[in-house]
Protein backbone atom coordinates (compact mmCIF):
# COMPACT_ATOMS: atom_id res chain seq x y z
CA MET A 1 4.59 8.54 21.20
CA ILE A 2 1.87 7.87 18.63
CA VAL A 3 1.51 11.58 17.86
CA LEU A 4 5.24 11.80 17.09
CA LEU A 5 4.99 8.68 14.96
CA ASP A 6 2.03 10.18 13.08
CA LEU A 7 4.09 13.33 12.44
CA ALA A 8 6.91 11.12 11.16
CA LEU A 9 4.39 9.42 8.85
CA VAL A 10 3.31 12.82 7.52
CA PHE A 11 6.98 13.53 6.78
CA ALA A 12 7.29 10.10 5.11
CA ALA A 13 4.19 10.86 3.01
CA PHE A 14 5.83 14.11 1.88
CA LEU A 15 8.97 12.16 0.95
CA SER A 16 6.84 9.59 -0.84
CA ALA A 17 5.11 12.29 -2.92
CA ASN A 18 8.57 13.52 -3.92
CA ILE A 19 9.55 9.98 -4.84
CA ALA A 20 6.39 9.81 -7.00
CA LEU A 21 7.74 12.91 -8.75
CA GLY A 22 10.96 11.00 -9.44
CA TRP A 23 9.00 8.02 -10.75
CA GLY A 24 7.09 10.42 -13.01
CA GLU A 25 10.39 11.73 -14.36
CA LEU A 26 11.66 8.20 -14.93
CA GLY A 27 8.38 7.20 -16.59
CA SER A 28 8.62 10.05 -19.09
CA TYR A 29 12.37 10.24 -19.62
CA ASN A 30 13.49 10.89 -23.19
CA VAL A 31 15.35 7.68 -23.93
CA HIS A 32 16.90 9.12 -27.10
CA GLY A 33 18.15 12.33 -25.51
CA ASP A 34 20.85 13.31 -23.02
CA LYS A 35 21.09 10.79 -20.19
CA SER A 36 23.25 12.84 -17.82
CA GLY A 37 20.16 13.80 -15.79
CA LEU A 38 19.91 10.25 -14.44
CA ALA A 39 22.51 11.14 -11.82
CA GLY A 40 19.82 13.22 -10.10
CA MET A 41 17.92 10.03 -9.29
CA LEU A 42 20.24 9.44 -6.32
CA GLY A 43 17.96 11.79 -4.37
CA MET A 44 15.05 9.48 -5.13
CA PHE A 45 17.02 6.55 -3.72
CA MET A 46 17.85 8.50 -0.54
CA PHE A 47 14.19 9.47 -0.08
CA MET A 48 13.27 5.80 -0.53
CA ILE A 49 15.57 4.80 2.31
CA MET A 50 14.12 7.46 4.61
CA ARG A 51 10.49 6.60 3.73
CA TRP A 52 10.93 2.87 4.16
CA GLY A 53 12.80 3.43 7.44
CA VAL A 54 10.00 5.53 8.93
CA LEU A 55 7.40 3.04 7.72
CA ALA A 56 9.38 0.13 9.20
CA VAL A 57 9.44 1.79 12.63
CA ALA A 58 5.73 2.58 12.38
CA LEU A 59 4.93 -0.99 11.36
CA LEU A 60 6.89 -2.37 14.31
CA VAL A 61 5.03 -0.05 16.68
CA ALA A 62 1.74 -1.15 15.11
CA VAL A 63 2.64 -4.79 15.72
CA ALA A 64 3.69 -4.04 19.30
CA ARG A 65 0.33 -2.35 19.92
CA GLY A 66 -1.57 -5.37 18.57
CA GLY A 67 -2.46 -3.72 15.28
CA PHE A 68 -2.35 -6.92 13.23
CA PRO A 69 -4.20 -9.60 15.22
CA GLU A 70 -4.97 -11.45 11.97
CA LEU A 71 -1.32 -12.48 11.65
CA PRO A 72 -0.34 -15.80 13.21
CA GLY A 73 2.07 -16.14 16.11
CA GLY A 74 3.19 -13.82 18.84
CA ARG A 75 4.52 -10.31 18.53
CA GLY A 76 8.01 -11.49 17.57
CA VAL A 77 6.74 -13.66 14.72
CA GLN A 78 4.36 -10.94 13.57
CA SER A 79 7.18 -8.37 13.62
CA ALA A 80 9.40 -10.68 11.58
CA MET A 81 6.64 -11.28 9.03
CA VAL A 82 5.77 -7.60 8.68
CA ILE A 83 9.41 -6.52 8.34
CA ALA A 84 10.14 -9.33 5.86
CA VAL A 85 7.27 -8.26 3.59
CA HIS A 86 8.19 -4.59 4.02
CA THR A 87 11.83 -5.29 3.17
CA GLY A 88 10.76 -7.32 0.14
CA LEU A 89 8.65 -4.43 -1.15
CA GLY A 90 11.56 -2.05 -0.57
CA VAL A 91 13.87 -4.30 -2.58
CA ILE A 92 11.26 -4.52 -5.34
CA SER A 93 11.04 -0.71 -5.45
CA TYR A 94 14.80 -0.37 -5.64
CA GLN A 95 15.07 -3.05 -8.32
CA GLY A 96 12.31 -1.29 -10.26
CA MET A 97 14.32 1.92 -10.21
CA GLU A 98 17.40 0.02 -11.39
CA TRP A 99 15.40 -1.74 -14.11
CA ILE A 100 13.91 1.47 -15.50
CA THR A 101 17.20 3.38 -15.25
CA ARG A 102 19.02 0.58 -17.07
CA ALA A 103 16.34 0.62 -19.79
CA ILE A 104 16.79 4.37 -20.25
CA GLN A 105 20.56 3.94 -20.51
CA ASN A 106 19.99 1.34 -23.24
CA SER A 107 17.42 3.54 -25.05
CA ASN A 108 14.65 1.00 -24.34
CA ALA A 109 11.36 2.76 -23.58
CA GLY A 110 9.44 -0.44 -22.75
CA PRO A 111 9.91 -0.58 -18.96
CA LEU A 112 9.10 3.12 -18.53
CA ARG A 113 5.38 2.41 -18.78
CA PHE A 114 5.58 0.49 -15.47
CA ALA A 115 6.93 3.42 -13.42
CA TRP A 116 3.43 4.26 -12.15
CA MET A 117 3.31 0.93 -10.31
CA PHE A 118 6.29 1.92 -8.17
CA ALA A 119 4.88 5.40 -7.59
CA PHE A 120 1.42 4.28 -6.45
CA LEU A 121 0.89 0.53 -6.24
CA ILE A 122 3.60 -0.21 -3.68
CA PRO A 123 3.82 2.80 -1.32
CA ILE A 124 0.15 3.76 -0.92
CA PRO A 125 -1.04 0.33 0.31
CA VAL A 126 1.92 0.18 2.73
CA PHE A 127 0.95 3.58 4.14
CA LEU A 128 -2.68 2.50 4.46
CA LEU A 129 -1.77 -0.77 6.16
CA THR A 130 0.54 1.08 8.54
CA LEU A 131 -2.17 3.58 9.44
CA TRP A 132 -4.68 0.78 9.93
CA GLY A 133 -2.29 -1.10 12.20
CA LEU A 134 -1.61 2.00 14.30
CA HIS A 135 -5.19 3.29 14.48
CA ARG A 136 -7.48 0.34 13.81
CA ASN A 137 -9.81 1.26 16.67
CA TRP A 138 -9.84 4.97 15.87
CA ILE A 139 -10.35 4.84 12.09
CA PRO A 140 -13.89 3.33 12.07
CA LYS A 141 -15.07 5.90 14.61
CA HIS A 142 -13.62 8.82 12.64
CA TRP A 143 -14.11 7.59 9.10
CA MET A 144 -14.54 11.07 7.63
CA ILE A 145 -11.15 12.28 8.93
CA SER A 146 -9.64 8.99 7.80
CA ALA A 147 -11.11 9.37 4.31
CA VAL A 148 -9.67 12.90 4.06
CA ALA A 149 -6.24 11.60 5.16
CA VAL A 150 -6.35 8.85 2.52
CA ALA A 151 -7.46 11.35 -0.13
CA LEU A 152 -4.58 13.67 0.79
CA LEU A 153 -2.12 10.77 0.61
CA VAL A 154 -3.34 9.74 -2.85
CA TRP A 155 -3.55 13.39 -3.99
CA GLY A 156 0.06 13.99 -2.91
CA HIS A 157 1.29 10.99 -4.87
CA VAL A 158 -0.73 11.86 -7.96
CA GLY A 159 0.41 15.49 -7.74
CA GLY A 160 4.03 14.39 -7.44
CA TRP A 161 3.66 12.03 -10.39
CA ARG A 162 2.03 14.71 -12.55
CA ALA A 163 4.73 17.24 -11.67
CA GLY A 164 7.44 14.81 -12.78
CA PHE A 165 5.73 13.27 -15.81
CA ARG A 166 6.60 15.38 -18.83
CA ARG A 167 4.85 14.12 -21.95
């Protein structure tokens, strides 16, 4: 079960790197040019739904396995807390996409400089927390493999961002 979930997380990391590409495109969009390319951002939204869905399942499995003993309450309360925070971050990501897209439509370049936050600052910590919750006993014993996995996760997001950012 955990191996399949880890494979799903690899798939979600691939989706997330592609979302970072979309954030890079939004962050460097020519606000004074043709805006018809914004319709292509629907793919970014669909990838967001798939990524957050996989992460939600993985977080629930992590809670069920006792991956977050620091949280108060039983497994039900912990699950509710984790999913509430996860849902809140998903809504923030979606609202960020709406905010930046609306700014581009109004030829306002100001919000574009915050696109990096949605590409890195929200998804990478969620991935790391999910991996810690699933493998908290394994990670300290295999810190080198864990460090390589984290480096690949960050590298994928940075590579996606750089591929989409066109300035």
